[in-house]
Amino acid sequence: MRSEQIFLSGNKLGSPMKATGTCIFLTLSSGFILKLERTFYVPSFSRNLIYVSRLVPFGYSFNFKDTSFELFYNFECVGNDIL
């Protein structure tokens, strides 16, 4: 990745991206390990962002309810939480 690439967030400010790659860091309470492909590493971010639409091509789907959601991988429920 070229060092001049930036990530534009909602406030329209650019944050430099250091790298892209696969990140295996999120283990759900069900024991399922969420593997994030083509992830951007932005050191200045204090929170992680996971775009739902970016997970769909990798076999993930979602069911959103009034106050909760369910995460599915290959049609099997692997996690849920409150919104």
N, C-alpha and C. Protein backbone atom coordinates (compact mmCIF):
# COMPACT_ATOMS: atom_id res chain seq x y z
N MET A 1 0.84 -1.17 0.00
CA MET A 1 0.00 0.00 0.00
C MET A 1 0.89 1.23 0.00
N ARG A 2 0.52 2.19 -0.81
CA ARG A 2 1.27 3.45 -0.84
C ARG A 2 0.94 4.27 0.40
N SER A 3 1.92 4.94 0.95
CA SER A 3 1.75 5.67 2.20
C SER A 3 0.81 6.86 2.09
N GLU A 4 0.57 7.37 0.88
CA GLU A 4 -0.27 8.55 0.76
C GLU A 4 -1.76 8.22 0.72
N GLN A 5 -2.16 6.96 0.80
CA GLN A 5 -3.58 6.61 0.79
C GLN A 5 -4.22 6.97 2.12
N ILE A 6 -5.44 7.52 2.04
CA ILE A 6 -6.14 7.94 3.26
C ILE A 6 -7.54 7.35 3.29
N PHE A 7 -8.09 7.30 4.48
CA PHE A 7 -9.45 6.83 4.71
C PHE A 7 -10.27 8.05 5.10
N LEU A 8 -11.34 8.34 4.34
CA LEU A 8 -12.21 9.48 4.67
C LEU A 8 -13.35 8.99 5.55
N SER A 9 -13.47 9.57 6.72
CA SER A 9 -14.56 9.19 7.64
C SER A 9 -15.70 10.19 7.51
N GLY A 10 -16.74 10.00 8.30
CA GLY A 10 -17.95 10.80 8.22
C GLY A 10 -17.74 12.29 8.39
N ASN A 11 -16.70 12.67 9.12
CA ASN A 11 -16.44 14.11 9.32
C ASN A 11 -15.62 14.71 8.18
N LYS A 12 -15.39 13.93 7.13
CA LYS A 12 -14.65 14.37 5.93
C LYS A 12 -13.17 14.62 6.16
N LEU A 13 -12.66 14.20 7.31
CA LEU A 13 -11.23 14.33 7.57
C LEU A 13 -10.53 13.06 7.12
N GLY A 14 -9.38 13.20 6.54
CA GLY A 14 -8.62 12.05 6.08
C GLY A 14 -7.70 11.51 7.15
N SER A 15 -7.69 10.17 7.28
CA SER A 15 -6.79 9.49 8.22
C SER A 15 -5.91 8.56 7.41
N PRO A 16 -4.58 8.63 7.59
CA PRO A 16 -3.69 7.78 6.80
C PRO A 16 -3.85 6.29 7.14
N MET A 17 -3.87 5.47 6.08
CA MET A 17 -3.91 4.01 6.24
C MET A 17 -2.49 3.50 6.18
N LYS A 18 -2.13 2.64 7.12
CA LYS A 18 -0.78 2.09 7.17
C LYS A 18 -0.65 0.80 6.38
N ALA A 19 -1.74 -0.02 6.35
CA ALA A 19 -1.64 -1.32 5.69
C ALA A 19 -3.04 -1.87 5.42
N THR A 20 -3.09 -2.90 4.58
CA THR A 20 -4.31 -3.69 4.38
C THR A 20 -3.95 -5.15 4.54
N GLY A 21 -4.93 -5.95 4.90
CA GLY A 21 -4.67 -7.38 5.03
C GLY A 21 -5.82 -8.09 5.71
N THR A 22 -5.58 -9.31 6.13
CA THR A 22 -6.58 -10.11 6.83
C THR A 22 -6.37 -9.95 8.32
N CYS A 23 -7.46 -9.75 9.02
CA CYS A 23 -7.39 -9.54 10.46
C CYS A 23 -8.28 -10.57 11.15
N ILE A 24 -7.68 -11.35 12.03
CA ILE A 24 -8.43 -12.33 12.81
C ILE A 24 -8.31 -11.89 14.26
N PHE A 25 -9.27 -11.11 14.71
CA PHE A 25 -9.13 -10.55 16.06
C PHE A 25 -10.41 -10.58 16.87
N LEU A 26 -11.52 -10.89 16.26
CA LEU A 26 -12.79 -10.77 16.96
C LEU A 26 -13.38 -12.16 17.20
N THR A 27 -13.33 -12.62 18.45
CA THR A 27 -13.94 -13.89 18.80
C THR A 27 -15.28 -13.60 19.46
N LEU A 28 -16.34 -14.10 18.87
CA LEU A 28 -17.68 -13.86 19.38
C LEU A 28 -17.96 -14.76 20.57
N SER A 29 -18.99 -14.43 21.36
CA SER A 29 -19.33 -15.23 22.54
C SER A 29 -19.72 -16.65 22.17
N SER A 30 -20.12 -16.87 20.92
CA SER A 30 -20.46 -18.22 20.45
C SER A 30 -19.22 -19.06 20.18
N GLY A 31 -18.03 -18.41 20.21
CA GLY A 31 -16.78 -19.10 19.89
C GLY A 31 -16.37 -18.90 18.44
N PHE A 32 -17.25 -18.33 17.63
CA PHE A 32 -16.96 -18.08 16.22
C PHE A 32 -15.91 -16.97 16.11
N ILE A 33 -14.93 -17.18 15.26
CA ILE A 33 -13.88 -16.19 15.04
C ILE A 33 -14.18 -15.44 13.74
N LEU A 34 -14.43 -14.15 13.88
CA LEU A 34 -14.73 -13.31 12.72
C LEU A 34 -13.43 -12.95 12.03
N LYS A 35 -13.29 -13.41 10.80
CA LYS A 35 -12.09 -13.17 10.00
C LYS A 35 -12.42 -12.07 9.00
N LEU A 36 -11.73 -10.95 9.13
CA LEU A 36 -11.98 -9.81 8.26
C LEU A 36 -10.93 -9.76 7.17
N GLU A 37 -11.38 -9.89 5.92
CA GLU A 37 -10.49 -9.88 4.76
C GLU A 37 -10.38 -8.47 4.20
N ARG A 38 -9.25 -8.15 3.62
CA ARG A 38 -9.00 -6.84 3.01
C ARG A 38 -9.33 -5.70 3.98
N THR A 39 -8.79 -5.80 5.18
CA THR A 39 -9.02 -4.82 6.24
C THR A 39 -8.00 -3.70 6.14
N PHE A 40 -8.45 -2.48 6.40
CA PHE A 40 -7.55 -1.33 6.44
C PHE A 40 -7.08 -1.13 7.88
N TYR A 41 -5.80 -0.88 8.06
CA TYR A 41 -5.27 -0.54 9.37
C TYR A 41 -5.06 0.97 9.40
N VAL A 42 -5.85 1.64 10.26
CA VAL A 42 -5.80 3.10 10.40
C VAL A 42 -5.45 3.39 11.86
N PRO A 43 -4.17 3.61 12.18
CA PRO A 43 -3.73 3.76 13.56
C PRO A 43 -4.42 4.88 14.34
N SER A 44 -4.85 5.92 13.66
CA SER A 44 -5.46 7.05 14.37
C SER A 44 -6.89 6.77 14.82
N PHE A 45 -7.50 5.69 14.37
CA PHE A 45 -8.87 5.36 14.79
C PHE A 45 -8.84 4.75 16.18
N SER A 46 -9.72 5.23 17.05
CA SER A 46 -9.78 4.68 18.41
C SER A 46 -10.82 3.57 18.52
N ARG A 47 -11.63 3.37 17.49
CA ARG A 47 -12.65 2.31 17.47
C ARG A 47 -12.56 1.58 16.14
N ASN A 48 -13.05 0.35 16.13
CA ASN A 48 -13.07 -0.43 14.90
C ASN A 48 -14.37 -0.19 14.15
N LEU A 49 -14.28 -0.13 12.83
CA LEU A 49 -15.44 -0.01 11.97
C LEU A 49 -15.55 -1.28 11.14
N ILE A 50 -16.73 -1.86 11.13
CA ILE A 50 -16.97 -3.03 10.29
C ILE A 50 -18.18 -2.72 9.42
N TYR A 51 -17.96 -2.60 8.13
CA TYR A 51 -19.05 -2.32 7.20
C TYR A 51 -19.79 -3.61 6.87
N VAL A 52 -21.07 -3.63 7.15
CA VAL A 52 -21.90 -4.81 6.91
C VAL A 52 -21.83 -5.20 5.45
N SER A 53 -21.94 -4.23 4.56
CA SER A 53 -21.95 -4.53 3.12
C SER A 53 -20.65 -5.18 2.65
N ARG A 54 -19.53 -4.94 3.33
CA ARG A 54 -18.26 -5.55 2.93
C ARG A 54 -18.15 -7.00 3.36
N LEU A 55 -18.98 -7.44 4.32
CA LEU A 55 -18.95 -8.83 4.79
C LEU A 55 -19.80 -9.76 3.91
N VAL A 56 -20.80 -9.21 3.24
CA VAL A 56 -21.74 -10.02 2.46
C VAL A 56 -21.03 -10.88 1.40
N PRO A 57 -20.07 -10.35 0.61
CA PRO A 57 -19.41 -11.20 -0.39
C PRO A 57 -18.62 -12.37 0.20
N PHE A 58 -18.35 -12.35 1.50
CA PHE A 58 -17.58 -13.42 2.14
C PHE A 58 -18.47 -14.44 2.84
N GLY A 59 -19.78 -14.42 2.54
CA GLY A 59 -20.68 -15.44 3.09
C GLY A 59 -21.46 -15.03 4.33
N TYR A 60 -21.36 -13.76 4.73
CA TYR A 60 -22.07 -13.29 5.92
C TYR A 60 -23.42 -12.70 5.52
N SER A 61 -24.39 -12.81 6.41
CA SER A 61 -25.68 -12.15 6.25
C SER A 61 -26.17 -11.74 7.63
N PHE A 62 -27.20 -10.91 7.65
CA PHE A 62 -27.64 -10.29 8.89
C PHE A 62 -29.15 -10.28 8.97
N ASN A 63 -29.66 -10.31 10.19
CA ASN A 63 -31.09 -10.14 10.45
C ASN A 63 -31.21 -9.06 11.51
N PHE A 64 -31.76 -7.92 11.12
CA PHE A 64 -31.91 -6.80 12.04
C PHE A 64 -33.34 -6.76 12.56
N LYS A 65 -33.49 -6.57 13.86
CA LYS A 65 -34.79 -6.46 14.51
C LYS A 65 -34.87 -5.09 15.16
N ASP A 66 -35.92 -4.83 15.94
CA ASP A 66 -36.09 -3.52 16.57
C ASP A 66 -34.91 -3.11 17.43
N THR A 67 -34.44 -4.02 18.27
CA THR A 67 -33.37 -3.66 19.21
C THR A 67 -32.18 -4.62 19.17
N SER A 68 -32.16 -5.54 18.22
CA SER A 68 -31.08 -6.53 18.18
C SER A 68 -30.76 -6.91 16.73
N PHE A 69 -29.70 -7.69 16.59
CA PHE A 69 -29.36 -8.23 15.27
C PHE A 69 -28.74 -9.61 15.44
N GLU A 70 -28.78 -10.37 14.36
CA GLU A 70 -28.14 -11.70 14.31
C GLU A 70 -27.16 -11.70 13.15
N LEU A 71 -26.03 -12.35 13.36
CA LEU A 71 -25.00 -12.49 12.34
C LEU A 71 -24.98 -13.94 11.88
N PHE A 72 -25.05 -14.15 10.57
CA PHE A 72 -25.03 -15.49 9.99
C PHE A 72 -23.79 -15.65 9.12
N TYR A 73 -23.22 -16.84 9.15
CA TYR A 73 -22.13 -17.18 8.24
C TYR A 73 -22.54 -18.46 7.52
N ASN A 74 -22.62 -18.38 6.20
CA ASN A 74 -23.10 -19.51 5.39
C ASN A 74 -24.42 -20.05 5.95
N PHE A 75 -25.34 -19.14 6.25
CA PHE A 75 -26.71 -19.42 6.70
C PHE A 75 -26.81 -20.01 8.10
N GLU A 76 -25.71 -20.05 8.84
CA GLU A 76 -25.73 -20.53 10.23
C GLU A 76 -25.53 -19.34 11.16
N CYS A 77 -26.40 -19.21 12.18
CA CYS A 77 -26.28 -18.11 13.12
C CYS A 77 -25.03 -18.30 13.96
N VAL A 78 -24.13 -17.32 13.90
CA VAL A 78 -22.87 -17.41 14.64
C VAL A 78 -22.76 -16.37 15.74
N GLY A 79 -23.73 -15.44 15.79
CA GLY A 79 -23.68 -14.43 16.84
C GLY A 79 -24.90 -13.54 16.82
N ASN A 80 -25.12 -12.85 17.93
CA ASN A 80 -26.21 -11.88 18.03
C ASN A 80 -25.87 -10.89 19.15
N ASP A 81 -26.53 -9.76 19.12
CA ASP A 81 -26.29 -8.73 20.12
C ASP A 81 -27.37 -7.67 20.01
N ILE A 82 -27.32 -6.70 20.92
CA ILE A 82 -28.25 -5.59 20.86
C ILE A 82 -27.67 -4.49 19.98
N LEU A 83 -28.53 -3.68 19.41
CA LEU A 83 -28.07 -2.57 18.58
C LEU A 83 -27.63 -1.42 19.45
